[in-house]
């Protein structure tokens, strides 16, 4: 999907990118700038679905 493609492009880029995490309630969110430091595809242990696992190093304050 488009979000995963952006993460792959951000991996290894020396610039920080804007990130937003929206919680399941659809209202609560966190926003921050960060660097994508690692990215890989892994199997979910529960149901063997392939998932994208990404490590993001925050480069600023997390905004609530």
Protein backbone atom coordinates (compact mmCIF):
# COMPACT_ATOMS: atom_id res chain seq x y z
CA UNK A 1 0.00 0.00 0.00
CA UNK A 2 1.00 3.64 -0.30
CA UNK A 3 2.07 3.97 3.36
CA UNK A 4 4.39 0.98 3.12
CA UNK A 5 5.97 2.34 -0.05
CA UNK A 6 6.67 5.63 1.72
CA UNK A 7 8.33 3.76 4.60
CA UNK A 8 10.58 1.85 2.17
CA UNK A 9 11.57 5.16 0.52
CA UNK A 10 12.25 6.77 3.91
CA UNK A 11 14.54 3.91 4.96
CA UNK A 12 18.12 5.06 4.72
CA UNK A 13 17.21 8.66 3.92
CA UNK A 14 19.18 11.06 6.14
CA UNK A 15 16.15 13.37 6.52
CA UNK A 16 13.45 13.04 9.17
CA UNK A 17 9.87 12.32 8.12
CA UNK A 18 6.57 13.21 9.76
CA UNK A 19 4.79 10.28 11.42
CA UNK A 20 1.31 9.97 12.89
CA UNK A 21 -0.12 7.09 14.89
CA UNK A 22 -3.90 6.95 15.18
CA UNK A 23 -5.25 4.76 17.99
CA UNK A 24 -8.20 2.36 17.51
CA UNK A 25 -10.65 4.84 19.06
CA UNK A 26 -10.22 6.97 15.92
CA UNK A 27 -9.61 10.13 17.96
CA UNK A 28 -6.43 9.70 19.99
CA UNK A 29 -3.24 10.25 18.03
CA UNK A 30 0.49 10.91 18.38
CA UNK A 31 2.62 12.91 15.92
CA UNK A 32 6.41 13.12 15.66
CA UNK A 33 9.36 13.52 13.31
CA UNK A 34 11.66 10.56 12.98
CA UNK A 35 14.21 8.58 10.99
CA UNK A 36 13.45 5.11 9.66
CA UNK A 37 16.44 3.11 10.90
CA UNK A 38 15.36 -0.46 10.05
CA UNK A 39 12.69 -2.14 7.97
CA UNK A 40 11.93 -5.80 7.33
CA UNK A 41 9.13 -8.22 6.56
CA UNK A 42 8.35 -10.72 9.31
CA UNK A 43 5.77 -13.43 9.94
CA UNK A 44 3.25 -12.72 12.68
CA UNK A 45 3.66 -15.53 15.22
CA UNK A 46 -0.07 -15.92 15.82
CA UNK A 47 -1.37 -16.47 12.29
CA UNK A 48 1.65 -16.52 9.94
CA UNK A 49 0.61 -13.32 8.14
CA UNK A 50 3.51 -11.36 6.62
CA UNK A 51 3.85 -7.96 8.31
CA UNK A 52 6.11 -4.97 7.81
CA UNK A 53 8.22 -4.21 10.89
CA UNK A 54 9.77 -0.74 11.05
CA UNK A 55 12.09 0.91 13.58
CA UNK A 56 11.70 4.68 13.84
CA UNK A 57 14.12 6.85 15.81
CA UNK A 58 12.24 9.96 16.99
CA UNK A 59 14.12 13.16 16.13
CA UNK A 60 11.77 15.46 18.00
CA UNK A 61 9.16 15.61 20.70
CA UNK A 62 6.10 13.37 20.45
CA UNK A 63 2.98 15.55 20.31
CA UNK A 64 -0.19 14.27 22.01
